[in-house]
Amino acid sequence: LTTAGRTTYFVSFQRGPFRTIQLPKYCLPKDMHIVSTDEGQVLAAVQEWNENDTYSLYISDTPGVYFTRSLPNLRTSRGLAGNLIVDVYK
């Protein structure tokens, strides 16, 4: 959902009601991609308003509502089809 130039992201945990995700108050995302939903957490690549060629990795609590930044300044690239490529290894 986008209102007044700001996008709001939602999550549903185990088919429950949709809830607005909560990024830290200093985070102003302009792009977000879900990287993984393994091991009871959501790992998301977020491009913040001041980033052009980098993203930051954010990790959530178990329901996927509250996020904290875990790794800033990841270099990214675009694939042939225009999809985002973030190299993440467990």
N, C-alpha and C. Protein backbone atom coordinates (compact mmCIF):
# COMPACT_ATOMS: atom_id res chain seq x y z
N LEU A 1 0.85 -1.17 0.00
CA LEU A 1 0.00 0.00 0.00
C LEU A 1 0.90 1.23 0.00
N THR A 2 0.63 2.19 -0.90
CA THR A 2 1.42 3.41 -0.97
C THR A 2 0.51 4.61 -0.76
N THR A 3 0.83 5.43 0.25
CA THR A 3 0.08 6.65 0.50
C THR A 3 1.08 7.76 0.80
N ALA A 4 0.84 8.91 0.24
CA ALA A 4 1.69 10.09 0.44
C ALA A 4 3.15 9.79 0.15
N GLY A 5 3.41 8.96 -0.85
CA GLY A 5 4.78 8.65 -1.24
C GLY A 5 5.48 7.62 -0.38
N ARG A 6 4.82 7.08 0.64
CA ARG A 6 5.43 6.08 1.52
C ARG A 6 4.70 4.75 1.34
N THR A 7 5.49 3.70 1.20
CA THR A 7 4.92 2.37 1.03
C THR A 7 4.79 1.69 2.39
N THR A 8 3.66 1.02 2.61
CA THR A 8 3.43 0.26 3.82
C THR A 8 3.43 -1.21 3.44
N TYR A 9 4.19 -2.02 4.18
CA TYR A 9 4.30 -3.45 3.91
C TYR A 9 3.54 -4.22 4.98
N PHE A 10 2.91 -5.34 4.56
CA PHE A 10 2.11 -6.14 5.47
C PHE A 10 2.61 -7.57 5.49
N VAL A 11 2.33 -8.28 6.60
CA VAL A 11 2.71 -9.67 6.75
C VAL A 11 1.56 -10.42 7.43
N SER A 12 1.40 -11.69 7.06
CA SER A 12 0.43 -12.56 7.70
C SER A 12 1.20 -13.78 8.22
N PHE A 13 1.12 -14.04 9.52
CA PHE A 13 1.81 -15.16 10.13
C PHE A 13 0.84 -16.33 10.30
N GLN A 14 1.17 -17.45 9.71
CA GLN A 14 0.37 -18.69 9.76
C GLN A 14 -1.10 -18.43 9.42
N ARG A 15 -1.29 -17.69 8.32
CA ARG A 15 -2.62 -17.38 7.78
C ARG A 15 -3.49 -16.55 8.71
N GLY A 16 -2.86 -15.84 9.63
CA GLY A 16 -3.58 -14.95 10.54
C GLY A 16 -3.88 -13.63 9.84
N PRO A 17 -4.41 -12.66 10.58
CA PRO A 17 -4.71 -11.36 9.98
C PRO A 17 -3.43 -10.65 9.55
N PHE A 18 -3.53 -9.82 8.53
CA PHE A 18 -2.37 -9.06 8.06
C PHE A 18 -2.06 -7.95 9.05
N ARG A 19 -0.77 -7.79 9.32
CA ARG A 19 -0.27 -6.74 10.21
C ARG A 19 0.78 -5.93 9.47
N THR A 20 0.88 -4.66 9.80
CA THR A 20 1.90 -3.80 9.21
C THR A 20 3.26 -4.16 9.79
N ILE A 21 4.27 -4.34 8.92
CA ILE A 21 5.60 -4.63 9.44
C ILE A 21 6.17 -3.36 10.07
N GLN A 22 7.05 -3.56 11.03
CA GLN A 22 7.65 -2.45 11.76
C GLN A 22 9.16 -2.45 11.56
N LEU A 23 9.63 -1.52 10.74
CA LEU A 23 11.07 -1.31 10.58
C LEU A 23 11.50 -0.27 11.61
N PRO A 24 12.80 -0.21 11.94
CA PRO A 24 13.24 0.82 12.88
C PRO A 24 12.84 2.22 12.41
N LYS A 25 12.59 3.12 13.34
CA LYS A 25 12.07 4.44 12.98
C LYS A 25 13.00 5.24 12.09
N TYR A 26 14.30 4.95 12.12
CA TYR A 26 15.24 5.68 11.26
C TYR A 26 15.27 5.13 9.83
N CYS A 27 14.61 4.01 9.56
CA CYS A 27 14.63 3.38 8.24
C CYS A 27 13.50 3.94 7.38
N LEU A 28 13.88 4.48 6.22
CA LEU A 28 12.89 4.97 5.25
C LEU A 28 13.09 4.18 3.96
N PRO A 29 12.40 3.04 3.82
CA PRO A 29 12.64 2.17 2.66
C PRO A 29 12.07 2.73 1.37
N LYS A 30 12.85 2.56 0.29
CA LYS A 30 12.31 2.88 -1.03
C LYS A 30 12.15 1.61 -1.86
N ASP A 31 12.72 0.48 -1.38
CA ASP A 31 12.57 -0.80 -2.07
C ASP A 31 12.81 -1.92 -1.06
N MET A 32 12.06 -3.01 -1.18
CA MET A 32 12.22 -4.14 -0.27
C MET A 32 12.02 -5.45 -1.02
N HIS A 33 12.88 -6.43 -0.73
CA HIS A 33 12.77 -7.77 -1.31
C HIS A 33 12.92 -8.80 -0.19
N ILE A 34 12.05 -9.80 -0.18
CA ILE A 34 12.17 -10.88 0.79
C ILE A 34 13.22 -11.85 0.28
N VAL A 35 14.24 -12.10 1.09
CA VAL A 35 15.34 -12.99 0.72
C VAL A 35 15.04 -14.41 1.18
N SER A 36 14.53 -14.56 2.41
CA SER A 36 14.31 -15.89 2.97
C SER A 36 13.25 -15.82 4.06
N THR A 37 12.52 -16.93 4.24
CA THR A 37 11.59 -17.06 5.36
C THR A 37 11.88 -18.34 6.13
N ASP A 38 13.13 -18.77 6.11
CA ASP A 38 13.54 -20.00 6.80
C ASP A 38 13.78 -19.75 8.28
N GLU A 39 13.78 -20.83 9.03
CA GLU A 39 14.18 -20.84 10.43
C GLU A 39 13.40 -19.87 11.30
N GLY A 40 12.12 -19.68 11.00
CA GLY A 40 11.24 -18.90 11.85
C GLY A 40 11.47 -17.40 11.83
N GLN A 41 12.15 -16.89 10.79
CA GLN A 41 12.39 -15.46 10.68
C GLN A 41 12.30 -15.05 9.22
N VAL A 42 12.07 -13.77 9.00
CA VAL A 42 12.08 -13.22 7.65
C VAL A 42 13.37 -12.44 7.47
N LEU A 43 14.06 -12.71 6.37
CA LEU A 43 15.27 -11.97 6.02
C LEU A 43 14.92 -11.14 4.80
N ALA A 44 15.04 -9.82 4.93
CA ALA A 44 14.64 -8.91 3.86
C ALA A 44 15.80 -8.00 3.48
N ALA A 45 15.92 -7.75 2.18
CA ALA A 45 16.88 -6.77 1.66
C ALA A 45 16.12 -5.48 1.45
N VAL A 46 16.55 -4.43 2.12
CA VAL A 46 15.86 -3.14 2.09
C VAL A 46 16.81 -2.08 1.54
N GLN A 47 16.34 -1.37 0.53
CA GLN A 47 17.10 -0.22 0.03
C GLN A 47 16.49 1.02 0.67
N GLU A 48 17.32 1.73 1.41
CA GLU A 48 16.84 2.91 2.11
C GLU A 48 16.94 4.14 1.22
N TRP A 49 16.31 5.23 1.62
CA TRP A 49 16.19 6.44 0.81
C TRP A 49 17.54 7.00 0.39
N ASN A 50 18.59 6.77 1.18
CA ASN A 50 19.90 7.34 0.87
C ASN A 50 20.83 6.35 0.17
N GLU A 51 20.34 5.17 -0.21
CA GLU A 51 21.16 4.17 -0.88
C GLU A 51 20.80 4.09 -2.36
N ASN A 52 21.82 3.93 -3.22
CA ASN A 52 21.57 3.80 -4.64
C ASN A 52 21.96 2.42 -5.16
N ASP A 53 23.15 1.96 -4.85
CA ASP A 53 23.63 0.66 -5.33
C ASP A 53 23.75 -0.37 -4.22
N THR A 54 23.30 -0.05 -3.03
CA THR A 54 23.42 -0.97 -1.90
C THR A 54 22.06 -1.19 -1.25
N TYR A 55 21.99 -2.29 -0.53
CA TYR A 55 20.82 -2.62 0.29
C TYR A 55 21.34 -2.97 1.68
N SER A 56 20.44 -3.01 2.65
CA SER A 56 20.77 -3.49 3.99
C SER A 56 19.91 -4.72 4.26
N LEU A 57 20.47 -5.69 4.97
CA LEU A 57 19.70 -6.86 5.37
C LEU A 57 19.05 -6.61 6.71
N TYR A 58 17.77 -6.93 6.78
CA TYR A 58 17.01 -6.81 8.02
C TYR A 58 16.48 -8.19 8.37
N ILE A 59 16.43 -8.50 9.66
CA ILE A 59 15.91 -9.79 10.13
C ILE A 59 14.76 -9.51 11.09
N SER A 60 13.75 -10.38 11.05
CA SER A 60 12.53 -10.15 11.81
C SER A 60 12.44 -11.06 13.03
N ASP A 61 11.43 -10.78 13.84
CA ASP A 61 11.04 -11.70 14.90
C ASP A 61 10.28 -12.86 14.25
N THR A 62 9.82 -13.83 15.02
CA THR A 62 9.17 -15.02 14.47
C THR A 62 7.94 -14.71 13.63
N PRO A 63 7.01 -13.85 14.06
CA PRO A 63 5.85 -13.56 13.19
C PRO A 63 6.17 -12.68 11.98
N GLY A 64 7.38 -12.14 11.90
CA GLY A 64 7.74 -11.31 10.76
C GLY A 64 7.25 -9.89 10.83
N VAL A 65 6.98 -9.38 12.02
CA VAL A 65 6.44 -8.04 12.17
C VAL A 65 7.53 -7.02 12.49
N TYR A 66 8.37 -7.32 13.48
CA TYR A 66 9.39 -6.37 13.93
C TYR A 66 10.75 -6.72 13.33
N PHE A 67 11.37 -5.75 12.66
CA PHE A 67 12.64 -5.97 11.97
C PHE A 67 13.75 -5.15 12.61
N THR A 68 14.96 -5.70 12.58
CA THR A 68 16.16 -4.98 12.98
C THR A 68 17.20 -5.14 11.87
N ARG A 69 18.03 -4.13 11.71
CA ARG A 69 19.07 -4.21 10.68
C ARG A 69 20.19 -5.11 11.16
N SER A 70 20.56 -6.06 10.32
CA SER A 70 21.61 -7.00 10.70
C SER A 70 22.89 -6.81 9.89
N LEU A 71 22.80 -6.30 8.67
CA LEU A 71 23.99 -6.13 7.84
C LEU A 71 23.77 -4.98 6.85
N PRO A 72 24.48 -3.86 7.02
CA PRO A 72 24.31 -2.73 6.09
C PRO A 72 25.23 -2.82 4.88
N ASN A 73 24.95 -2.00 3.89
CA ASN A 73 25.82 -1.77 2.72
C ASN A 73 26.16 -3.01 1.91
N LEU A 74 25.17 -3.79 1.55
CA LEU A 74 25.38 -4.94 0.66
C LEU A 74 25.36 -4.48 -0.78
N ARG A 75 26.36 -4.87 -1.53
CA ARG A 75 26.37 -4.59 -2.97
C ARG A 75 25.37 -5.50 -3.66
N THR A 76 24.67 -4.96 -4.62
CA THR A 76 23.67 -5.73 -5.36
C THR A 76 23.89 -5.52 -6.85
N SER A 77 23.24 -6.35 -7.63
CA SER A 77 23.26 -6.19 -9.08
C SER A 77 21.91 -6.64 -9.62
N ARG A 78 21.68 -6.40 -10.89
CA ARG A 78 20.44 -6.81 -11.54
C ARG A 78 20.74 -7.94 -12.50
N GLY A 79 19.88 -8.97 -12.50
CA GLY A 79 20.02 -10.09 -13.42
C GLY A 79 19.55 -9.71 -14.81
N LEU A 80 19.61 -10.66 -15.73
CA LEU A 80 19.21 -10.41 -17.12
C LEU A 80 17.74 -10.00 -17.23
N ALA A 81 16.90 -10.57 -16.37
CA ALA A 81 15.48 -10.25 -16.40
C ALA A 81 15.14 -9.02 -15.56
N GLY A 82 16.16 -8.35 -15.01
CA GLY A 82 15.92 -7.17 -14.20
C GLY A 82 15.69 -7.46 -12.73
N ASN A 83 15.80 -8.74 -12.34
CA ASN A 83 15.58 -9.10 -10.94
C ASN A 83 16.79 -8.73 -10.09
N LEU A 84 16.55 -8.46 -8.82
CA LEU A 84 17.60 -8.07 -7.89
C LEU A 84 18.42 -9.29 -7.49
N ILE A 85 19.74 -9.13 -7.47
CA ILE A 85 20.63 -10.22 -7.04
C ILE A 85 21.39 -9.75 -5.80
N VAL A 86 21.18 -10.45 -4.69
CA VAL A 86 21.89 -10.21 -3.45
C VAL A 86 22.58 -11.51 -3.10
N ASP A 87 23.90 -11.48 -2.97
CA ASP A 87 24.64 -12.70 -2.62
C ASP A 87 24.64 -12.89 -1.11
N VAL A 88 23.91 -13.91 -0.65
CA VAL A 88 23.83 -14.22 0.78
C VAL A 88 24.12 -15.70 0.95
N TYR A 89 25.06 -16.02 1.79
CA TYR A 89 25.39 -17.41 2.07
C TYR A 89 25.18 -17.67 3.54
N LYS A 90 24.59 -18.84 3.85
CA LYS A 90 24.35 -19.19 5.26
C LYS A 90 25.64 -19.61 5.90
